[in-house]
Amino acid sequence: MVADSNCPECDAALDTADLKERPPVKAPWHFWLMVIAAVGYLAWRLVEALIWAIANWL
């Protein structure tokens, strides 16, 4: 289908009344759980790196 709602092959008018705007798909809850887990892991690794740096350089 092209922008003017006609068939690109036969140029017949197409009925677009049944095409509805779909709401955006939300990310599932377990995706956000993994994001939180990854952020927590990286934050802990940063804390460990800072502790190691302070212990070895001071």
C-alpha atoms as a PDB file:
ATOM      1  CA  MET A   1       0.000   0.000   0.000  1.00  0.00           C
ATOM      2  CA  VAL A   2       1.298   3.423  -0.860  1.00  0.00           C
ATOM      3  CA  ALA A   3       0.644   6.780   0.783  1.00  0.00           C
ATOM      4  CA  ASP A   4      -2.519   7.535  -1.221  1.00  0.00           C
ATOM      5  CA  SER A   5      -4.242   4.287  -0.043  1.00  0.00           C
ATOM      6  CA  ASN A   6      -4.177   2.681  -3.477  1.00  0.00           C
ATOM      7  CA  CYS A   7      -2.841  -0.720  -4.371  1.00  0.00           C
ATOM      8  CA  PRO A   8       0.602  -0.340  -5.980  1.00  0.00           C
ATOM      9  CA  GLU A   9      -0.099  -3.175  -8.449  1.00  0.00           C
ATOM     10  CA  CYS A  10      -3.628  -2.520  -9.700  1.00  0.00           C
ATOM     11  CA  ASP A  11      -4.214   1.051  -8.441  1.00  0.00           C
ATOM     12  CA  ALA A  12      -7.505   0.027  -6.815  1.00  0.00           C
ATOM     13  CA  ALA A  13      -8.702   2.014  -3.816  1.00  0.00           C
ATOM     14  CA  LEU A  14      -8.125   0.220  -0.527  1.00  0.00           C
ATOM     15  CA  ASP A  15     -10.364   0.443   2.523  1.00  0.00           C
ATOM     16  CA  THR A  16      -8.249   1.702   5.407  1.00  0.00           C
ATOM     17  CA  ALA A  17     -11.084   2.245   7.877  1.00  0.00           C
ATOM     18  CA  ASP A  18     -10.262  -0.975   9.741  1.00  0.00           C
ATOM     19  CA  LEU A  19      -6.640   0.011  10.271  1.00  0.00           C
ATOM     20  CA  LYS A  20      -6.338   1.473  13.752  1.00  0.00           C
ATOM     21  CA  GLU A  21      -3.528   3.230  15.480  1.00  0.00           C
ATOM     22  CA  ARG A  22      -1.901   0.738  17.791  1.00  0.00           C
ATOM     23  CA  PRO A  23      -0.707   1.865  21.196  1.00  0.00           C
ATOM     24  CA  PRO A  24       3.045   1.583  21.713  1.00  0.00           C
ATOM     25  CA  VAL A  25       4.209  -1.748  23.053  1.00  0.00           C
ATOM     26  CA  LYS A  26       5.508  -1.550  26.607  1.00  0.00           C
ATOM     27  CA  ALA A  27       8.574  -3.449  27.730  1.00  0.00           C
ATOM     28  CA  PRO A  28       7.716  -6.500  29.865  1.00  0.00           C
ATOM     29  CA  TRP A  29       8.360  -6.413  33.595  1.00  0.00           C
ATOM     30  CA  HIS A  30      11.222  -8.910  33.417  1.00  0.00           C
ATOM     31  CA  PHE A  31      13.097  -6.593  31.030  1.00  0.00           C
ATOM     32  CA  TRP A  32      13.042  -3.861  33.662  1.00  0.00           C
ATOM     33  CA  LEU A  33      14.053  -6.412  36.295  1.00  0.00           C
ATOM     34  CA  MET A  34      17.144  -7.263  34.234  1.00  0.00           C
ATOM     35  CA  VAL A  35      17.920  -3.554  33.735  1.00  0.00           C
ATOM     36  CA  ILE A  36      17.792  -3.005  37.499  1.00  0.00           C
ATOM     37  CA  ALA A  37      19.953  -6.088  38.088  1.00  0.00           C
ATOM     38  CA  ALA A  38      22.532  -4.914  35.534  1.00  0.00           C
ATOM     39  CA  VAL A  39      22.672  -1.412  37.031  1.00  0.00           C
ATOM     40  CA  GLY A  40      23.057  -2.878  40.514  1.00  0.00           C
ATOM     41  CA  TYR A  41      25.837  -5.195  39.342  1.00  0.00           C
ATOM     42  CA  LEU A  42      27.728  -2.381  37.621  1.00  0.00           C
ATOM     43  CA  ALA A  43      27.322  -0.124  40.652  1.00  0.00           C
ATOM     44  CA  TRP A  44      28.753  -2.832  42.894  1.00  0.00           C
ATOM     45  CA  ARG A  45      31.684  -3.374  40.509  1.00  0.00           C
ATOM     46  CA  LEU A  46      32.369   0.377  40.646  1.00  0.00           C
ATOM     47  CA  VAL A  47      32.386   0.264  44.454  1.00  0.00           C
ATOM     48  CA  GLU A  48      34.793  -2.702  44.357  1.00  0.00           C
ATOM     49  CA  ALA A  49      37.058  -0.857  41.907  1.00  0.00           C
ATOM     50  CA  LEU A  50      37.138   2.203  44.139  1.00  0.00           C
ATOM     51  CA  ILE A  51      37.946   0.092  47.217  1.00  0.00           C
ATOM     52  CA  TRP A  52      40.725  -1.667  45.301  1.00  0.00           C
ATOM     53  CA  ALA A  53      42.118   1.615  44.015  1.00  0.00           C
ATOM     54  CA  ILE A  54      42.148   3.182  47.468  1.00  0.00           C
ATOM     55  CA  ALA A  55      43.738   0.094  49.065  1.00  0.00           C
ATOM     56  CA  ASN A  56      46.468  -0.246  46.432  1.00  0.00           C
ATOM     57  CA  TRP A  57      47.333   3.379  45.762  1.00  0.00           C
ATOM     58  CA  LEU A  58      47.268   4.857  49.239  1.00  0.00           C
END
